[in-house]
């Protein structure tokens, strides 16, 4: 993407859905944004072009490779692609967030829902939602959505990204005060980013599994609040007909 030119892809094995989604997207008031739209009937050609895709509308049920499997590959190839699932199956919404879905639309969707999703997607792509991690005599700038979790290390903290981590001289309290609603303190030593949660176990020893496989503790007193806040997060970030 350069100079507010974005590439949008639609992947669905139903030709009518492809056409309708394309028309609904084209009806959006783009103002100073320019777009290119590419259509795909299955994931194979899509994955070859994914490096150029900023926003992806993805069906769940497709031949050969379903939408969730496709999204898992996309995370590895281009983790900042915004993925919006479009599906007949409301019960699969939590599965979608395991693969970092941005939104989940339930078919048959309303045109207004597409506009709302695009509003949020462009807001995300154009935002300066950057946090500053201080490391001794230098600063590192990180997109908030790329943070998986933060761990307290005394007066310092460790910021975990998908495959690396950064030790900063800022406390966990500092991060709790400045980060947005997608972040939750699960334990006195951990803050997690709901955007990067794969699964939550609410058993006797509650644990959060992040998309990168890292496990995070949940304190006893935060278990019920975690369940409530995560469900609210999913409801807020999924749209249904």
C-alpha atoms as a PDB file:
ATOM      1  CA  UNK A   1       0.000   0.000   0.000  1.00  0.00           C
ATOM      2  CA  UNK A   2       1.337   3.430  -1.013  1.00  0.00           C
ATOM      3  CA  UNK A   3      -0.281   6.873  -0.885  1.00  0.00           C
ATOM      4  CA  UNK A   4      -3.547   5.477   0.534  1.00  0.00           C
ATOM      5  CA  UNK A   5      -3.962   2.898  -2.218  1.00  0.00           C
ATOM      6  CA  UNK A   6      -5.257  -0.357  -0.752  1.00  0.00           C
ATOM      7  CA  UNK A   7      -5.650  -3.808  -2.236  1.00  0.00           C
ATOM      8  CA  UNK A   8      -8.822  -5.677  -1.257  1.00  0.00           C
ATOM      9  CA  UNK A   9      -9.282  -9.379  -2.006  1.00  0.00           C
ATOM     10  CA  UNK A  10     -12.447 -11.474  -1.878  1.00  0.00           C
ATOM     11  CA  UNK A  11     -12.166 -15.258  -1.689  1.00  0.00           C
ATOM     12  CA  UNK A  12     -15.353 -17.332  -1.976  1.00  0.00           C
ATOM     13  CA  UNK A  13     -16.272 -20.356  -4.083  1.00  0.00           C
ATOM     14  CA  UNK A  14     -19.761 -18.899  -4.682  1.00  0.00           C
ATOM     15  CA  UNK A  15     -19.647 -16.653  -7.758  1.00  0.00           C
ATOM     16  CA  UNK A  16     -22.788 -14.750  -6.726  1.00  0.00           C
ATOM     17  CA  UNK A  17     -21.280 -13.901  -3.342  1.00  0.00           C
ATOM     18  CA  UNK A  18     -18.100 -12.718  -5.052  1.00  0.00           C
ATOM     19  CA  UNK A  19     -20.085 -10.404  -7.308  1.00  0.00           C
ATOM     20  CA  UNK A  20     -22.286  -9.049  -4.511  1.00  0.00           C
ATOM     21  CA  UNK A  21     -19.365  -8.401  -2.167  1.00  0.00           C
ATOM     22  CA  UNK A  22     -17.500  -6.609  -4.942  1.00  0.00           C
ATOM     23  CA  UNK A  23     -20.513  -4.365  -5.656  1.00  0.00           C
ATOM     24  CA  UNK A  24     -21.038  -3.629  -1.954  1.00  0.00           C
ATOM     25  CA  UNK A  25     -17.383  -2.704  -1.509  1.00  0.00           C
ATOM     26  CA  UNK A  26     -17.432  -0.491  -4.611  1.00  0.00           C
ATOM     27  CA  UNK A  27     -20.466   1.366  -3.196  1.00  0.00           C
ATOM     28  CA  UNK A  28     -18.420   2.506  -0.185  1.00  0.00           C
ATOM     29  CA  UNK A  29     -17.543   6.216   0.020  1.00  0.00           C
ATOM     30  CA  UNK A  30     -13.759   6.020  -0.260  1.00  0.00           C
ATOM     31  CA  UNK A  31     -13.105   9.785  -0.318  1.00  0.00           C
ATOM     32  CA  UNK A  32      -9.290  10.112  -0.469  1.00  0.00           C
ATOM     33  CA  UNK A  33      -8.683   6.356  -0.583  1.00  0.00           C
ATOM     34  CA  UNK A  34      -8.089   4.411  -3.781  1.00  0.00           C
ATOM     35  CA  UNK A  35      -8.653   0.666  -3.990  1.00  0.00           C
ATOM     36  CA  UNK A  36      -7.984  -2.330  -6.183  1.00  0.00           C
ATOM     37  CA  UNK A  37     -10.263  -5.364  -5.849  1.00  0.00           C
ATOM     38  CA  UNK A  38      -9.195  -8.915  -6.739  1.00  0.00           C
ATOM     39  CA  UNK A  39     -11.524 -11.939  -6.784  1.00  0.00           C
ATOM     40  CA  UNK A  40     -10.518 -15.519  -5.944  1.00  0.00           C
ATOM     41  CA  UNK A  41     -12.615 -18.699  -6.030  1.00  0.00           C
ATOM     42  CA  UNK A  42     -10.198 -20.700  -3.855  1.00  0.00           C
ATOM     43  CA  UNK A  43      -7.198 -20.156  -1.612  1.00  0.00           C
ATOM     44  CA  UNK A  44      -4.416 -21.433  -3.891  1.00  0.00           C
ATOM     45  CA  UNK A  45      -4.137 -18.376  -6.178  1.00  0.00           C
ATOM     46  CA  UNK A  46      -4.947 -16.097  -3.223  1.00  0.00           C
ATOM     47  CA  UNK A  47      -1.931 -17.279  -1.222  1.00  0.00           C
ATOM     48  CA  UNK A  48       0.334 -16.488  -4.174  1.00  0.00           C
ATOM     49  CA  UNK A  49      -0.866 -12.867  -4.121  1.00  0.00           C
ATOM     50  CA  UNK A  50      -1.287 -12.360  -0.364  1.00  0.00           C
ATOM     51  CA  UNK A  51       1.811 -10.141   0.015  1.00  0.00           C
ATOM     52  CA  UNK A  52      -0.096  -7.431  -1.853  1.00  0.00           C
ATOM     53  CA  UNK A  53      -3.413  -7.788   0.037  1.00  0.00           C
ATOM     54  CA  UNK A  54      -4.375  -5.253   2.723  1.00  0.00           C
ATOM     55  CA  UNK A  55      -7.965  -6.385   3.406  1.00  0.00           C
ATOM     56  CA  UNK A  56      -9.315  -9.880   2.763  1.00  0.00           C
ATOM     57  CA  UNK A  57     -12.963 -10.991   2.811  1.00  0.00           C
ATOM     58  CA  UNK A  58     -12.734 -14.751   3.259  1.00  0.00           C
ATOM     59  CA  UNK A  59     -15.351 -17.503   3.127  1.00  0.00           C
ATOM     60  CA  UNK A  60     -15.068 -20.263   5.732  1.00  0.00           C
ATOM     61  CA  UNK A  61     -16.354 -23.219   3.711  1.00  0.00           C
ATOM     62  CA  UNK A  62     -14.282 -23.725   0.570  1.00  0.00           C
ATOM     63  CA  UNK A  63     -12.977 -26.794  -1.282  1.00  0.00           C
ATOM     64  CA  UNK A  64      -9.461 -28.163  -0.627  1.00  0.00           C
ATOM     65  CA  UNK A  65      -8.501 -25.601   2.014  1.00  0.00           C
ATOM     66  CA  UNK A  66     -11.101 -23.952   4.258  1.00  0.00           C
ATOM     67  CA  UNK A  67     -11.000 -20.348   5.422  1.00  0.00           C
ATOM     68  CA  UNK A  68      -9.432 -21.079   8.805  1.00  0.00           C
ATOM     69  CA  UNK A  69      -6.596 -23.106   7.260  1.00  0.00           C
ATOM     70  CA  UNK A  70      -6.082 -20.336   4.720  1.00  0.00           C
ATOM     71  CA  UNK A  71      -5.964 -17.701   7.478  1.00  0.00           C
ATOM     72  CA  UNK A  72      -3.342 -19.709   9.398  1.00  0.00           C
ATOM     73  CA  UNK A  73      -1.087 -19.635   6.334  1.00  0.00           C
ATOM     74  CA  UNK A  74      -1.754 -15.939   5.812  1.00  0.00           C
ATOM     75  CA  UNK A  75      -0.619 -15.165   9.377  1.00  0.00           C
ATOM     76  CA  UNK A  76       2.747 -16.737   8.551  1.00  0.00           C
ATOM     77  CA  UNK A  77       3.063 -15.030   5.158  1.00  0.00           C
ATOM     78  CA  UNK A  78       1.718 -11.534   5.916  1.00  0.00           C
ATOM     79  CA  UNK A  79       0.608 -11.061   9.502  1.00  0.00           C
ATOM     80  CA  UNK A  80      -0.740  -7.528   9.003  1.00  0.00           C
ATOM     81  CA  UNK A  81      -3.406  -8.479   6.442  1.00  0.00           C
ATOM     82  CA  UNK A  82      -6.859  -7.638   7.812  1.00  0.00           C
ATOM     83  CA  UNK A  83      -8.992 -10.784   7.537  1.00  0.00           C
ATOM     84  CA  UNK A  84     -12.803 -10.559   7.563  1.00  0.00           C
ATOM     85  CA  UNK A  85     -14.605 -13.901   7.584  1.00  0.00           C
ATOM     86  CA  UNK A  86     -17.958 -14.187   5.807  1.00  0.00           C
ATOM     87  CA  UNK A  87     -19.879 -17.322   6.744  1.00  0.00           C
ATOM     88  CA  UNK A  88     -23.240 -19.049   7.211  1.00  0.00           C
ATOM     89  CA  UNK A  89     -22.051 -20.522  10.504  1.00  0.00           C
ATOM     90  CA  UNK A  90     -22.531 -18.284  13.539  1.00  0.00           C
ATOM     91  CA  UNK A  91     -21.209 -20.992  15.863  1.00  0.00           C
ATOM     92  CA  UNK A  92     -17.718 -20.761  14.319  1.00  0.00           C
ATOM     93  CA  UNK A  93     -17.042 -17.178  15.377  1.00  0.00           C
ATOM     94  CA  UNK A  94     -14.665 -18.123  18.208  1.00  0.00           C
ATOM     95  CA  UNK A  95     -12.690 -20.321  15.798  1.00  0.00           C
ATOM     96  CA  UNK A  96     -12.258 -17.268  13.592  1.00  0.00           C
ATOM     97  CA  UNK A  97     -10.623 -15.256  16.360  1.00  0.00           C
ATOM     98  CA  UNK A  98      -8.131 -18.060  16.930  1.00  0.00           C
ATOM     99  CA  UNK A  99      -6.670 -17.139  13.549  1.00  0.00           C
ATOM    100  CA  UNK A 100      -6.711 -13.380  14.236  1.00  0.00           C
ATOM    101  CA  UNK A 101      -9.906 -12.471  12.397  1.00  0.00           C
ATOM    102  CA  UNK A 102     -10.567  -8.743  12.291  1.00  0.00           C
ATOM    103  CA  UNK A 103     -14.336  -9.248  11.948  1.00  0.00           C
ATOM    104  CA  UNK A 104     -16.814 -12.068  11.344  1.00  0.00           C
ATOM    105  CA  UNK A 105     -19.855 -11.431   9.147  1.00  0.00           C
ATOM    106  CA  UNK A 106     -22.795 -13.787   9.104  1.00  0.00           C
ATOM    107  CA  UNK A 107     -24.460 -14.524   5.742  1.00  0.00           C
ATOM    108  CA  UNK A 108     -26.707 -13.105   4.495  1.00  0.00           C
ATOM    109  CA  UNK A 109     -25.061  -9.874   5.596  1.00  0.00           C
ATOM    110  CA  UNK A 110     -26.366  -6.334   5.185  1.00  0.00           C
ATOM    111  CA  UNK A 111     -24.607  -3.874   2.885  1.00  0.00           C
ATOM    112  CA  UNK A 112     -24.373  -1.508   5.855  1.00  0.00           C
ATOM    113  CA  UNK A 113     -22.289  -4.121   7.701  1.00  0.00           C
ATOM    114  CA  UNK A 114     -19.726  -4.105   4.886  1.00  0.00           C
ATOM    115  CA  UNK A 115     -19.482  -0.328   5.183  1.00  0.00           C
ATOM    116  CA  UNK A 116     -18.997  -0.582   8.962  1.00  0.00           C
ATOM    117  CA  UNK A 117     -16.243  -3.172   8.515  1.00  0.00           C
ATOM    118  CA  UNK A 118     -14.489  -1.027   5.911  1.00  0.00           C
ATOM    119  CA  UNK A 119     -14.726   2.005   8.230  1.00  0.00           C
ATOM    120  CA  UNK A 120     -12.931   0.049  10.967  1.00  0.00           C
ATOM    121  CA  UNK A 121     -10.451  -1.578   8.577  1.00  0.00           C
ATOM    122  CA  UNK A 122      -9.324   1.709   7.025  1.00  0.00           C
ATOM    123  CA  UNK A 123      -9.190   3.286  10.465  1.00  0.00           C
ATOM    124  CA  UNK A 124      -6.836   0.475  11.476  1.00  0.00           C
ATOM    125  CA  UNK A 125      -4.713   0.742   8.331  1.00  0.00           C
ATOM    126  CA  UNK A 126      -4.437   4.516   8.501  1.00  0.00           C
ATOM    127  CA  UNK A 127      -4.052   4.849  12.254  1.00  0.00           C
ATOM    128  CA  UNK A 128      -0.882   5.708  14.100  1.00  0.00           C
ATOM    129  CA  UNK A 129      -1.636   3.231  16.885  1.00  0.00           C
ATOM    130  CA  UNK A 130       2.027   3.000  17.789  1.00  0.00           C
ATOM    131  CA  UNK A 131       3.509   2.417  21.235  1.00  0.00           C
ATOM    132  CA  UNK A 132       7.017   3.438  22.223  1.00  0.00           C
ATOM    133  CA  UNK A 133       9.162   0.823  23.928  1.00  0.00           C
ATOM    134  CA  UNK A 134      12.108   2.414  25.755  1.00  0.00           C
ATOM    135  CA  UNK A 135      15.321   0.423  25.853  1.00  0.00           C
ATOM    136  CA  UNK A 136      18.100   2.205  27.742  1.00  0.00           C
ATOM    137  CA  UNK A 137      19.168   5.038  25.427  1.00  0.00           C
ATOM    138  CA  UNK A 138      16.904   4.244  22.463  1.00  0.00           C
ATOM    139  CA  UNK A 139      13.256   3.827  21.526  1.00  0.00           C
ATOM    140  CA  UNK A 140      11.492   1.184  19.440  1.00  0.00           C
ATOM    141  CA  UNK A 141       8.150   1.889  17.778  1.00  0.00           C
ATOM    142  CA  UNK A 142       5.667  -1.004  17.731  1.00  0.00           C
ATOM    143  CA  UNK A 143       2.136  -1.337  16.344  1.00  0.00           C
ATOM    144  CA  UNK A 144      -0.119  -2.165  19.293  1.00  0.00           C
ATOM    145  CA  UNK A 145      -1.944  -4.926  17.408  1.00  0.00           C
ATOM    146  CA  UNK A 146       1.387  -6.740  16.852  1.00  0.00           C
ATOM    147  CA  UNK A 147       1.894  -7.159  20.609  1.00  0.00           C
ATOM    148  CA  UNK A 148       0.919 -10.626  21.829  1.00  0.00           C
ATOM    149  CA  UNK A 149       1.521 -10.162  25.547  1.00  0.00           C
ATOM    150  CA  UNK A 150       3.560  -8.202  28.056  1.00  0.00           C
ATOM    151  CA  UNK A 151       5.283  -9.774  31.053  1.00  0.00           C
ATOM    152  CA  UNK A 152       6.373  -7.946  34.211  1.00  0.00           C
ATOM    153  CA  UNK A 153      10.081  -8.146  35.033  1.00  0.00           C
ATOM    154  CA  UNK A 154      10.334  -6.094  38.208  1.00  0.00           C
ATOM    155  CA  UNK A 155      10.620  -2.463  37.130  1.00  0.00           C
ATOM    156  CA  UNK A 156      11.068  -3.619  33.536  1.00  0.00           C
ATOM    157  CA  UNK A 157       8.842  -5.617  31.202  1.00  0.00           C
ATOM    158  CA  UNK A 158       9.086  -7.950  28.218  1.00  0.00           C
ATOM    159  CA  UNK A 159       6.961  -7.280  25.141  1.00  0.00           C
ATOM    160  CA  UNK A 160       6.305 -10.456  23.161  1.00  0.00           C
ATOM    161  CA  UNK A 161       5.664 -10.228  19.426  1.00  0.00           C
ATOM    162  CA  UNK A 162       4.886 -13.158  17.114  1.00  0.00           C
ATOM    163  CA  UNK A 163       8.401 -14.617  17.100  1.00  0.00           C
ATOM    164  CA  UNK A 164      10.549 -12.306  19.223  1.00  0.00           C
ATOM    165  CA  UNK A 165      10.510 -10.228  22.401  1.00  0.00           C
ATOM    166  CA  UNK A 166      11.830  -6.876  23.611  1.00  0.00           C
ATOM    167  CA  UNK A 167      12.959  -6.004  27.148  1.00  0.00           C
ATOM    168  CA  UNK A 168      11.897  -2.473  28.038  1.00  0.00           C
ATOM    169  CA  UNK A 169      12.553  -0.243  31.048  1.00  0.00           C
ATOM    170  CA  UNK A 170       8.815   0.453  31.460  1.00  0.00           C
ATOM    171  CA  UNK A 171       6.652  -1.265  34.062  1.00  0.00           C
ATOM    172  CA  UNK A 172       3.565  -3.412  33.504  1.00  0.00           C
ATOM    173  CA  UNK A 173       1.556  -0.648  35.194  1.00  0.00           C
ATOM    174  CA  UNK A 174       2.699   1.774  32.474  1.00  0.00           C
ATOM    175  CA  UNK A 175       1.448  -0.523  29.717  1.00  0.00           C
ATOM    176  CA  UNK A 176      -1.875  -1.125  31.452  1.00  0.00           C
ATOM    177  CA  UNK A 177      -2.490   2.626  31.574  1.00  0.00           C
ATOM    178  CA  UNK A 178      -1.736   3.385  27.925  1.00  0.00           C
ATOM    179  CA  UNK A 179      -2.968   0.331  25.976  1.00  0.00           C
ATOM    180  CA  UNK A 180      -6.464   0.049  24.502  1.00  0.00           C
ATOM    181  CA  UNK A 181      -9.535  -2.100  25.117  1.00  0.00           C
ATOM    182  CA  UNK A 182      -8.142  -5.178  23.381  1.00  0.00           C
ATOM    183  CA  UNK A 183      -5.594  -5.616  26.195  1.00  0.00           C
ATOM    184  CA  UNK A 184      -6.424  -7.405  29.451  1.00  0.00           C
ATOM    185  CA  UNK A 185      -4.380  -8.037  32.593  1.00  0.00           C
ATOM    186  CA  UNK A 186      -4.894 -11.739  33.254  1.00  0.00           C
ATOM    187  CA  UNK A 187      -2.423 -11.960  36.124  1.00  0.00           C
ATOM    188  CA  UNK A 188      -0.278  -9.612  38.200  1.00  0.00           C
ATOM    189  CA  UNK A 189       2.589 -10.447  35.840  1.00  0.00           C
ATOM    190  CA  UNK A 190       0.838 -10.528  32.450  1.00  0.00           C
ATOM    191  CA  UNK A 191      -1.160  -8.409  30.029  1.00  0.00           C
ATOM    192  CA  UNK A 192      -2.526 -10.168  26.928  1.00  0.00           C
ATOM    193  CA  UNK A 193      -3.787  -8.801  23.634  1.00  0.00           C
ATOM    194  CA  UNK A 194      -7.203 -10.327  22.836  1.00  0.00           C
ATOM    195  CA  UNK A 195      -6.441  -9.824  19.135  1.00  0.00           C
ATOM    196  CA  UNK A 196      -3.772 -12.513  19.405  1.00  0.00           C
ATOM    197  CA  UNK A 197      -5.511 -15.032  21.663  1.00  0.00           C
ATOM    198  CA  UNK A 198      -5.965 -18.500  20.186  1.00  0.00           C
ATOM    199  CA  UNK A 199      -7.786 -20.273  23.014  1.00  0.00           C
ATOM    200  CA  UNK A 200      -8.764 -19.836  26.654  1.00  0.00           C
ATOM    201  CA  UNK A 201      -9.038 -22.736  29.082  1.00  0.00           C
ATOM    202  CA  UNK A 202     -11.416 -21.954  31.953  1.00  0.00           C
ATOM    203  CA  UNK A 203     -10.589 -25.090  33.942  1.00  0.00           C
ATOM    204  CA  UNK A 204      -9.163 -25.472  37.427  1.00  0.00           C
ATOM    205  CA  UNK A 205      -5.905 -23.897  36.249  1.00  0.00           C
ATOM    206  CA  UNK A 206      -7.073 -21.314  33.738  1.00  0.00           C
ATOM    207  CA  UNK A 207      -4.643 -20.578  30.920  1.00  0.00           C
ATOM    208  CA  UNK A 208      -4.613 -18.427  27.792  1.00  0.00           C
ATOM    209  CA  UNK A 209      -2.940 -19.794  24.664  1.00  0.00           C
ATOM    210  CA  UNK A 210      -1.700 -17.123  22.282  1.00  0.00           C
ATOM    211  CA  UNK A 211      -1.624 -17.540  18.502  1.00  0.00           C
ATOM    212  CA  UNK A 212       2.153 -18.060  18.642  1.00  0.00           C
ATOM    213  CA  UNK A 213       1.702 -20.957  21.098  1.00  0.00           C
ATOM    214  CA  UNK A 214       2.802 -19.162  24.260  1.00  0.00           C
ATOM    215  CA  UNK A 215       0.772 -19.988  27.394  1.00  0.00           C
ATOM    216  CA  UNK A 216      -0.207 -17.273  29.863  1.00  0.00           C
ATOM    217  CA  UNK A 217      -1.429 -17.674  33.435  1.00  0.00           C
ATOM    218  CA  UNK A 218      -4.798 -16.393  34.642  1.00  0.00           C
ATOM    219  CA  UNK A 219      -5.127 -15.497  38.321  1.00  0.00           C
ATOM    220  CA  UNK A 220      -8.070 -16.923  40.270  1.00  0.00           C
ATOM    221  CA  UNK A 221      -9.574 -13.499  40.927  1.00  0.00           C
ATOM    222  CA  UNK A 222      -9.427 -12.555  37.227  1.00  0.00           C
ATOM    223  CA  UNK A 223     -11.043 -15.687  35.774  1.00  0.00           C
ATOM    224  CA  UNK A 224     -14.659 -14.512  35.737  1.00  0.00           C
ATOM    225  CA  UNK A 225     -13.676 -11.028  34.558  1.00  0.00           C
ATOM    226  CA  UNK A 226     -11.578 -12.529  31.760  1.00  0.00           C
ATOM    227  CA  UNK A 227     -14.525 -14.572  30.498  1.00  0.00           C
ATOM    228  CA  UNK A 228     -16.793 -11.517  30.574  1.00  0.00           C
ATOM    229  CA  UNK A 229     -14.305  -9.168  28.905  1.00  0.00           C
ATOM    230  CA  UNK A 230     -13.299 -11.651  26.194  1.00  0.00           C
ATOM    231  CA  UNK A 231     -16.926 -12.382  25.317  1.00  0.00           C
ATOM    232  CA  UNK A 232     -17.593  -8.623  25.140  1.00  0.00           C
ATOM    233  CA  UNK A 233     -14.567  -8.244  22.874  1.00  0.00           C
ATOM    234  CA  UNK A 234     -15.826 -10.955  20.511  1.00  0.00           C
ATOM    235  CA  UNK A 235     -19.346  -9.482  20.411  1.00  0.00           C
ATOM    236  CA  UNK A 236     -17.948  -6.054  19.643  1.00  0.00           C
ATOM    237  CA  UNK A 237     -15.729  -7.330  16.864  1.00  0.00           C
ATOM    238  CA  UNK A 238     -18.139  -9.746  15.178  1.00  0.00           C
ATOM    239  CA  UNK A 239     -21.188  -8.694  13.145  1.00  0.00           C
ATOM    240  CA  UNK A 240     -24.248 -10.892  12.655  1.00  0.00           C
ATOM    241  CA  UNK A 241     -27.348 -10.656  10.491  1.00  0.00           C
END
